[in-house]
Amino acid sequence: MMKAFSGAALAALVVTTASAADLALKASPAAPIKFSWTGCYLGGHLGAVVTEDRTISSLGATVDFSSTGFVGGGQIGCNYQFASNWVVGAEGRAAWSSLANNHAASVRFPALGLVVPSQFGLRNDLLATATARLGYVYGERWLVYVRGGAAWTRETIDDAFIGPVVGVLTDPSATVTRTGWTAGAGVEWAFARHWSANVEYNYHDFGTKGPILLTSPVNSVSVNQLKDTIHAATAGVNYHF
């Protein structure tokens, strides 16, 4: 009798296991996790920057120069997805930049009737923007967008030269924060429930402004006009919450 009971239990176990396996095979696959662009995010970005700059002297002479460098920083923003596929949002960015350029120049001292050679230098070590975004969603996880808004950069300007006092090396300098505008476009891909990656191009224009007074312990000199524009290509990652 014990053998019969054991055989019946074994048969029941086999049938139960087979039924469970059959149900698992017939079960429908899990639905994919839906991603919504509505909400806020925080992230970082890295990339390359190029300037197209120009100095204009009091006599109208111009010097065009450019520099290349790296940029890296963070961003924070919010989106709202509406009409199924459209996304509107706002974003703020702040980044450090390695942009720096030096080129030969000259400094005039009208009162002394002197023109002396110098080395003009320009650094953009800070780049920040506040922009609005408008995008269109493809296949739920791809967002193509354009952006535009205000931009700021911090410029440090140097003009090293041998001053009118013979043999005295002076290095007048000034640091200014300039305001301009920016416009660009990008593509963003939501690769996980809370994560996305993007690539962007942005153009920054800070206009032609001056004069800027550079001072040192010995001399001062005025840079009459300085045009400053920056191109930036970046890749970034965002965490959505």
C-alpha atoms as a PDB file:
ATOM      1  CA  MET A   1       0.000   0.000   0.000  1.00  0.00           C
ATOM      2  CA  MET A   2       2.893   2.335   0.793  1.00  0.00           C
ATOM      3  CA  LYS A   3       4.250   1.740  -2.723  1.00  0.00           C
ATOM      4  CA  ALA A   4       0.887   2.602  -4.263  1.00  0.00           C
ATOM      5  CA  PHE A   5       0.665   5.808  -2.221  1.00  0.00           C
ATOM      6  CA  SER A   6       4.181   6.840  -3.254  1.00  0.00           C
ATOM      7  CA  GLY A   7       3.396   6.166  -6.896  1.00  0.00           C
ATOM      8  CA  ALA A   8       0.227   8.260  -6.762  1.00  0.00           C
ATOM      9  CA  ALA A   9       2.093  11.162  -5.122  1.00  0.00           C
ATOM     10  CA  LEU A  10       4.819  11.028  -7.748  1.00  0.00           C
ATOM     11  CA  ALA A  11       2.239  11.040 -10.548  1.00  0.00           C
ATOM     12  CA  ALA A  12       0.471  14.052  -9.017  1.00  0.00           C
ATOM     13  CA  LEU A  13       3.762  15.922  -8.731  1.00  0.00           C
ATOM     14  CA  VAL A  14       4.594  15.269 -12.392  1.00  0.00           C
ATOM     15  CA  VAL A  15       1.155  16.446 -13.529  1.00  0.00           C
ATOM     16  CA  THR A  16       1.345  19.580 -11.367  1.00  0.00           C
ATOM     17  CA  THR A  17       4.825  20.464 -12.670  1.00  0.00           C
ATOM     18  CA  ALA A  18       3.747  19.953 -16.279  1.00  0.00           C
ATOM     19  CA  SER A  19       0.662  22.122 -15.782  1.00  0.00           C
ATOM     20  CA  ALA A  20       2.731  24.931 -14.240  1.00  0.00           C
ATOM     21  CA  ALA A  21       5.208  24.813 -17.102  1.00  0.00           C
ATOM     22  CA  ASP A  22       2.359  24.896 -19.617  1.00  0.00           C
ATOM     23  CA  LEU A  23       0.832  27.946 -17.929  1.00  0.00           C
ATOM     24  CA  ALA A  24       4.207  29.734 -17.921  1.00  0.00           C
ATOM     25  CA  LEU A  25       4.574  29.128 -21.656  1.00  0.00           C
ATOM     26  CA  LYS A  26       1.071  30.431 -22.338  1.00  0.00           C
ATOM     27  CA  ALA A  27       1.509  33.571 -20.168  1.00  0.00           C
ATOM     28  CA  SER A  28       1.829  36.769 -22.180  1.00  0.00           C
ATOM     29  CA  PRO A  29       5.181  38.625 -22.030  1.00  0.00           C
ATOM     30  CA  ALA A  30       5.498  41.556 -19.617  1.00  0.00           C
ATOM     31  CA  ALA A  31       4.478  44.897 -21.063  1.00  0.00           C
ATOM     32  CA  PRO A  32       7.402  47.270 -21.749  1.00  0.00           C
ATOM     33  CA  ILE A  33       7.952  50.062 -19.247  1.00  0.00           C
ATOM     34  CA  LYS A  34       6.491  53.299 -20.621  1.00  0.00           C
ATOM     35  CA  PHE A  35       8.625  56.446 -20.499  1.00  0.00           C
ATOM     36  CA  SER A  36       7.161  59.908 -20.054  1.00  0.00           C
ATOM     37  CA  TRP A  37       9.176  63.069 -20.704  1.00  0.00           C
ATOM     38  CA  THR A  38       7.050  65.023 -18.234  1.00  0.00           C
ATOM     39  CA  GLY A  39       9.016  65.845 -15.086  1.00  0.00           C
ATOM     40  CA  CYS A  40      12.310  67.315 -13.960  1.00  0.00           C
ATOM     41  CA  TYR A  41      15.875  66.095 -14.403  1.00  0.00           C
ATOM     42  CA  LEU A  42      19.446  66.653 -13.276  1.00  0.00           C
ATOM     43  CA  GLY A  43      22.600  65.734 -15.201  1.00  0.00           C
ATOM     44  CA  GLY A  44      26.043  66.536 -16.556  1.00  0.00           C
ATOM     45  CA  HIS A  45      27.714  67.125 -19.920  1.00  0.00           C
ATOM     46  CA  LEU A  46      31.148  67.142 -21.576  1.00  0.00           C
ATOM     47  CA  GLY A  47      32.291  68.348 -24.967  1.00  0.00           C
ATOM     48  CA  ALA A  48      34.386  70.597 -27.175  1.00  0.00           C
ATOM     49  CA  VAL A  49      34.186  74.362 -27.721  1.00  0.00           C
ATOM     50  CA  VAL A  50      35.542  76.674 -30.443  1.00  0.00           C
ATOM     51  CA  THR A  51      35.622  80.481 -30.454  1.00  0.00           C
ATOM     52  CA  GLU A  52      35.458  82.960 -33.318  1.00  0.00           C
ATOM     53  CA  ASP A  53      36.722  86.218 -31.812  1.00  0.00           C
ATOM     54  CA  ARG A  54      37.848  89.608 -33.099  1.00  0.00           C
ATOM     55  CA  THR A  55      39.492  92.695 -31.674  1.00  0.00           C
ATOM     56  CA  ILE A  56      38.937  96.122 -33.255  1.00  0.00           C
ATOM     57  CA  SER A  57      41.393  98.930 -32.534  1.00  0.00           C
ATOM     58  CA  SER A  58      40.638 102.646 -32.241  1.00  0.00           C
ATOM     59  CA  LEU A  59      42.050 103.040 -35.778  1.00  0.00           C
ATOM     60  CA  GLY A  60      39.667 100.424 -37.182  1.00  0.00           C
ATOM     61  CA  ALA A  61      42.246  97.661 -37.552  1.00  0.00           C
ATOM     62  CA  THR A  62      40.838  94.175 -36.860  1.00  0.00           C
ATOM     63  CA  VAL A  63      42.463  90.945 -35.735  1.00  0.00           C
ATOM     64  CA  ASP A  64      40.482  87.722 -36.118  1.00  0.00           C
ATOM     65  CA  PHE A  65      41.497  84.835 -33.875  1.00  0.00           C
ATOM     66  CA  SER A  66      40.055  81.588 -32.534  1.00  0.00           C
ATOM     67  CA  SER A  67      40.770  78.956 -29.914  1.00  0.00           C
ATOM     68  CA  THR A  68      39.602  75.455 -29.072  1.00  0.00           C
ATOM     69  CA  GLY A  69      39.099  73.738 -25.754  1.00  0.00           C
ATOM     70  CA  PHE A  70      37.003  71.478 -23.554  1.00  0.00           C
ATOM     71  CA  VAL A  71      33.823  72.232 -21.647  1.00  0.00           C
ATOM     72  CA  GLY A  72      32.213  70.329 -18.807  1.00  0.00           C
ATOM     73  CA  GLY A  73      29.457  71.066 -16.318  1.00  0.00           C
ATOM     74  CA  GLY A  74      25.947  70.332 -15.159  1.00  0.00           C
ATOM     75  CA  GLN A  75      22.356  71.046 -16.075  1.00  0.00           C
ATOM     76  CA  ILE A  76      18.943  71.023 -14.420  1.00  0.00           C
ATOM     77  CA  GLY A  77      15.575  71.372 -16.094  1.00  0.00           C
ATOM     78  CA  CYS A  78      11.924  70.371 -16.393  1.00  0.00           C
ATOM     79  CA  ASN A  79       9.783  69.096 -19.291  1.00  0.00           C
ATOM     80  CA  TYR A  80       6.089  68.840 -20.024  1.00  0.00           C
ATOM     81  CA  GLN A  81       4.835  66.392 -22.668  1.00  0.00           C
ATOM     82  CA  PHE A  82       1.584  67.426 -24.363  1.00  0.00           C
ATOM     83  CA  ALA A  83      -0.487  66.559 -27.449  1.00  0.00           C
ATOM     84  CA  SER A  84       1.009  63.044 -27.300  1.00  0.00           C
ATOM     85  CA  ASN A  85       4.314  63.804 -29.024  1.00  0.00           C
ATOM     86  CA  TRP A  86       5.304  67.388 -28.204  1.00  0.00           C
ATOM     87  CA  VAL A  87       7.561  68.410 -25.316  1.00  0.00           C
ATOM     88  CA  VAL A  88       8.169  71.902 -23.961  1.00  0.00           C
ATOM     89  CA  GLY A  89      10.653  72.670 -21.213  1.00  0.00           C
ATOM     90  CA  ALA A  90      13.272  74.914 -19.649  1.00  0.00           C
ATOM     91  CA  GLU A  91      16.878  74.223 -18.687  1.00  0.00           C
ATOM     92  CA  GLY A  92      19.738  75.952 -16.892  1.00  0.00           C
ATOM     93  CA  ARG A  93      23.403  75.083 -17.504  1.00  0.00           C
ATOM     94  CA  ALA A  94      26.731  76.083 -15.966  1.00  0.00           C
ATOM     95  CA  ALA A  95      30.088  74.787 -17.177  1.00  0.00           C
ATOM     96  CA  TRP A  96      33.824  75.296 -16.900  1.00  0.00           C
ATOM     97  CA  SER A  97      35.733  75.937 -20.148  1.00  0.00           C
ATOM     98  CA  SER A  98      39.426  75.653 -21.035  1.00  0.00           C
ATOM     99  CA  LEU A  99      39.181  78.203 -23.886  1.00  0.00           C
ATOM    100  CA  ALA A 100      42.290  80.397 -24.086  1.00  0.00           C
ATOM    101  CA  ASN A 101      44.021  82.333 -26.874  1.00  0.00           C
ATOM    102  CA  ASN A 102      47.079  84.560 -27.223  1.00  0.00           C
ATOM    103  CA  HIS A 103      48.190  86.557 -30.254  1.00  0.00           C
ATOM    104  CA  ALA A 104      50.518  89.416 -31.103  1.00  0.00           C
ATOM    105  CA  ALA A 105      49.127  92.952 -30.789  1.00  0.00           C
ATOM    106  CA  SER A 106      50.288  96.495 -30.169  1.00  0.00           C
ATOM    107  CA  VAL A 107      49.534  99.187 -27.605  1.00  0.00           C
ATOM    108  CA  ARG A 108      49.453 102.908 -28.434  1.00  0.00           C
ATOM    109  CA  PHE A 109      50.406 105.655 -25.969  1.00  0.00           C
ATOM    110  CA  PRO A 110      49.241 108.833 -27.762  1.00  0.00           C
ATOM    111  CA  ALA A 111      50.456 111.181 -25.035  1.00  0.00           C
ATOM    112  CA  LEU A 112      53.982 109.794 -25.406  1.00  0.00           C
ATOM    113  CA  GLY A 113      53.820 109.181 -29.144  1.00  0.00           C
ATOM    114  CA  LEU A 114      54.684 105.508 -28.588  1.00  0.00           C
ATOM    115  CA  VAL A 115      53.463 102.243 -30.100  1.00  0.00           C
ATOM    116  CA  VAL A 116      54.816  99.144 -28.346  1.00  0.00           C
ATOM    117  CA  PRO A 117      54.379  95.433 -29.165  1.00  0.00           C
ATOM    118  CA  SER A 118      52.224  93.369 -26.826  1.00  0.00           C
ATOM    119  CA  GLN A 119      50.711  89.922 -26.355  1.00  0.00           C
ATOM    120  CA  PHE A 120      46.899  89.942 -26.215  1.00  0.00           C
ATOM    121  CA  GLY A 121      45.252  87.080 -24.330  1.00  0.00           C
ATOM    122  CA  LEU A 122      41.618  86.054 -23.852  1.00  0.00           C
ATOM    123  CA  ARG A 123      40.238  83.286 -21.636  1.00  0.00           C
ATOM    124  CA  ASN A 124      36.615  82.115 -21.305  1.00  0.00           C
ATOM    125  CA  ASP A 125      36.579  80.001 -18.156  1.00  0.00           C
ATOM    126  CA  LEU A 126      32.817  80.014 -17.475  1.00  0.00           C
ATOM    127  CA  LEU A 127      29.888  79.350 -19.816  1.00  0.00           C
ATOM    128  CA  ALA A 128      26.281  79.404 -18.570  1.00  0.00           C
ATOM    129  CA  THR A 129      22.853  79.416 -20.239  1.00  0.00           C
ATOM    130  CA  ALA A 130      19.157  79.624 -19.392  1.00  0.00           C
ATOM    131  CA  THR A 131      17.045  78.330 -22.274  1.00  0.00           C
ATOM    132  CA  ALA A 132      13.600  77.174 -23.334  1.00  0.00           C
ATOM    133  CA  ARG A 133      13.255  73.878 -25.236  1.00  0.00           C
ATOM    134  CA  LEU A 134      10.714  72.591 -27.750  1.00  0.00           C
ATOM    135  CA  GLY A 135      10.891  68.987 -28.930  1.00  0.00           C
ATOM    136  CA  TYR A 136       9.084  66.182 -30.723  1.00  0.00           C
ATOM    137  CA  VAL A 137       8.979  62.569 -29.500  1.00  0.00           C
ATOM    138  CA  TYR A 138       9.645  59.654 -31.860  1.00  0.00           C
ATOM    139  CA  GLY A 139       8.851  56.106 -30.738  1.00  0.00           C
ATOM    140  CA  GLU A 140       8.330  57.221 -27.116  1.00  0.00           C
ATOM    141  CA  ARG A 141      12.053  57.153 -26.224  1.00  0.00           C
ATOM    142  CA  TRP A 142      13.604  59.556 -28.777  1.00  0.00           C
ATOM    143  CA  LEU A 143      13.306  63.325 -28.403  1.00  0.00           C
ATOM    144  CA  VAL A 144      14.499  65.765 -31.083  1.00  0.00           C
ATOM    145  CA  TYR A 145      14.531  69.379 -29.894  1.00  0.00           C
ATOM    146  CA  VAL A 146      15.643  72.961 -30.437  1.00  0.00           C
ATOM    147  CA  ARG A 147      16.586  75.422 -27.715  1.00  0.00           C
ATOM    148  CA  GLY A 148      17.217  79.134 -27.285  1.00  0.00           C
ATOM    149  CA  GLY A 149      17.694  81.752 -24.587  1.00  0.00           C
ATOM    150  CA  ALA A 150      20.206  83.805 -22.630  1.00  0.00           C
ATOM    151  CA  ALA A 151      23.927  83.069 -22.230  1.00  0.00           C
ATOM    152  CA  TRP A 152      26.752  84.327 -20.041  1.00  0.00           C
ATOM    153  CA  THR A 153      30.530  83.969 -20.181  1.00  0.00           C
ATOM    154  CA  ARG A 154      33.310  85.167 -17.900  1.00  0.00           C
ATOM    155  CA  GLU A 155      36.210  86.670 -19.847  1.00  0.00           C
ATOM    156  CA  THR A 156      39.690  87.338 -18.550  1.00  0.00           C
ATOM    157  CA  ILE A 157      41.632  89.679 -20.839  1.00  0.00           C
ATOM    158  CA  ASP A 158      45.409  90.255 -20.621  1.00  0.00           C
ATOM    159  CA  ASP A 159      47.688  92.509 -22.651  1.00  0.00           C
ATOM    160  CA  ALA A 160      51.324  91.999 -21.623  1.00  0.00           C
ATOM    161  CA  PHE A 161      53.803  94.552 -22.977  1.00  0.00           C
ATOM    162  CA  ILE A 162      56.976  96.511 -22.256  1.00  0.00           C
ATOM    163  CA  GLY A 163      55.610  99.771 -20.939  1.00  0.00           C
ATOM    164  CA  PRO A 164      56.606 103.353 -21.728  1.00  0.00           C
ATOM    165  CA  VAL A 165      58.923 103.176 -18.748  1.00  0.00           C
ATOM    166  CA  VAL A 166      61.817 101.458 -20.508  1.00  0.00           C
ATOM    167  CA  GLY A 167      62.439  97.929 -19.329  1.00  0.00           C
ATOM    168  CA  VAL A 168      59.297  97.687 -17.171  1.00  0.00           C
ATOM    169  CA  LEU A 169      57.116  94.690 -18.097  1.00  0.00           C
ATOM    170  CA  THR A 170      53.476  95.301 -17.329  1.00  0.00           C
ATOM    171  CA  ASP A 171      50.502  92.956 -17.647  1.00  0.00           C
ATOM    172  CA  PRO A 172      47.213  94.885 -17.596  1.00  0.00           C
ATOM    173  CA  SER A 173      44.211  92.602 -17.182  1.00  0.00           C
ATOM    174  CA  ALA A 174      40.479  92.664 -16.555  1.00  0.00           C
ATOM    175  CA  THR A 175      37.786  90.103 -15.806  1.00  0.00           C
ATOM    176  CA  VAL A 176      34.272  90.780 -17.048  1.00  0.00           C
ATOM    177  CA  THR A 177      31.039  88.797 -17.303  1.00  0.00           C
ATOM    178  CA  ARG A 178      29.277  89.255 -20.619  1.00  0.00           C
ATOM    179  CA  THR A 179      25.658  88.552 -21.460  1.00  0.00           C
ATOM    180  CA  GLY A 180      24.509  87.293 -24.847  1.00  0.00           C
ATOM    181  CA  TRP A 181      22.186  84.798 -26.479  1.00  0.00           C
ATOM    182  CA  THR A 182      22.345  81.145 -27.481  1.00  0.00           C
ATOM    183  CA  ALA A 183      20.516  78.809 -29.879  1.00  0.00           C
ATOM    184  CA  GLY A 184      20.986  75.131 -30.648  1.00  0.00           C
ATOM    185  CA  ALA A 185      19.521  71.691 -31.289  1.00  0.00           C
ATOM    186  CA  GLY A 186      19.907  68.170 -29.950  1.00  0.00           C
ATOM    187  CA  VAL A 187      18.724  64.574 -29.763  1.00  0.00           C
ATOM    188  CA  GLU A 188      17.946  62.752 -26.508  1.00  0.00           C
ATOM    189  CA  TRP A 189      17.423  59.004 -25.966  1.00  0.00           C
ATOM    190  CA  ALA A 190      15.692  57.529 -22.912  1.00  0.00           C
ATOM    191  CA  PHE A 191      17.651  54.298 -22.381  1.00  0.00           C
ATOM    192  CA  ALA A 192      16.185  53.341 -18.979  1.00  0.00           C
ATOM    193  CA  ARG A 193      13.205  54.163 -16.773  1.00  0.00           C
ATOM    194  CA  HIS A 194      14.861  57.233 -15.207  1.00  0.00           C
ATOM    195  CA  TRP A 195      17.874  57.828 -17.474  1.00  0.00           C
ATOM    196  CA  SER A 196      18.505  59.539 -20.806  1.00  0.00           C
ATOM    197  CA  ALA A 197      21.535  60.523 -22.901  1.00  0.00           C
ATOM    198  CA  ASN A 198      21.830  63.377 -25.385  1.00  0.00           C
ATOM    199  CA  VAL A 199      24.080  65.067 -27.918  1.00  0.00           C
ATOM    200  CA  GLU A 200      23.799  68.790 -28.672  1.00  0.00           C
ATOM    201  CA  TYR A 201      25.193  71.680 -30.685  1.00  0.00           C
ATOM    202  CA  ASN A 202      24.830  75.212 -29.303  1.00  0.00           C
ATOM    203  CA  TYR A 203      25.915  78.604 -30.660  1.00  0.00           C
ATOM    204  CA  HIS A 204      26.662  81.460 -28.235  1.00  0.00           C
ATOM    205  CA  ASP A 205      26.933  85.102 -29.328  1.00  0.00           C
ATOM    206  CA  PHE A 206      28.130  87.769 -26.874  1.00  0.00           C
ATOM    207  CA  GLY A 207      28.221  90.601 -29.378  1.00  0.00           C
ATOM    208  CA  THR A 208      30.865  93.257 -29.968  1.00  0.00           C
ATOM    209  CA  LYS A 209      31.460  95.344 -26.866  1.00  0.00           C
ATOM    210  CA  GLY A 210      33.937  97.821 -25.484  1.00  0.00           C
ATOM    211  CA  PRO A 211      35.912  99.682 -24.504  1.00  0.00           C
ATOM    212  CA  ILE A 212      37.350  97.523 -21.735  1.00  0.00           C
ATOM    213  CA  LEU A 213      39.940  99.153 -19.489  1.00  0.00           C
ATOM    214  CA  LEU A 214      42.883  96.968 -18.495  1.00  0.00           C
ATOM    215  CA  THR A 215      44.947  98.101 -15.529  1.00  0.00           C
ATOM    216  CA  SER A 216      48.262  97.200 -13.911  1.00  0.00           C
ATOM    217  CA  PRO A 217      50.416  98.731 -11.168  1.00  0.00           C
ATOM    218  CA  VAL A 218      52.339 100.729 -13.798  1.00  0.00           C
ATOM    219  CA  ASN A 219      50.101 101.289 -16.842  1.00  0.00           C
ATOM    220  CA  SER A 220      46.560 101.047 -18.151  1.00  0.00           C
ATOM    221  CA  VAL A 221      45.311 100.400 -21.683  1.00  0.00           C
ATOM    222  CA  SER A 222      41.902 100.282 -23.337  1.00  0.00           C
ATOM    223  CA  VAL A 223      40.759  97.433 -25.604  1.00  0.00           C
ATOM    224  CA  ASN A 224      38.384  99.324 -27.883  1.00  0.00           C
ATOM    225  CA  GLN A 225      36.127  96.545 -29.196  1.00  0.00           C
ATOM    226  CA  LEU A 226      36.015  92.774 -28.642  1.00  0.00           C
ATOM    227  CA  LYS A 227      33.666  90.386 -30.474  1.00  0.00           C
ATOM    228  CA  ASP A 228      33.166  87.019 -28.742  1.00  0.00           C
ATOM    229  CA  THR A 229      31.285  83.998 -30.152  1.00  0.00           C
ATOM    230  CA  ILE A 230      31.468  80.351 -29.038  1.00  0.00           C
ATOM    231  CA  HIS A 231      30.413  77.072 -30.687  1.00  0.00           C
ATOM    232  CA  ALA A 232      29.841  74.068 -28.371  1.00  0.00           C
ATOM    233  CA  ALA A 233      29.245  70.373 -29.155  1.00  0.00           C
ATOM    234  CA  THR A 234      28.459  68.253 -26.079  1.00  0.00           C
ATOM    235  CA  ALA A 235      27.234  64.854 -24.926  1.00  0.00           C
ATOM    236  CA  GLY A 236      25.355  64.468 -21.650  1.00  0.00           C
ATOM    237  CA  VAL A 237      23.430  62.178 -19.309  1.00  0.00           C
ATOM    238  CA  ASN A 238      20.288  63.085 -17.323  1.00  0.00           C
ATOM    239  CA  TYR A 239      18.512  61.463 -14.375  1.00  0.00           C
ATOM    240  CA  HIS A 240      14.737  62.031 -14.476  1.00  0.00           C
ATOM    241  CA  PHE A 241      12.739  62.250 -11.248  1.00  0.00           C
END
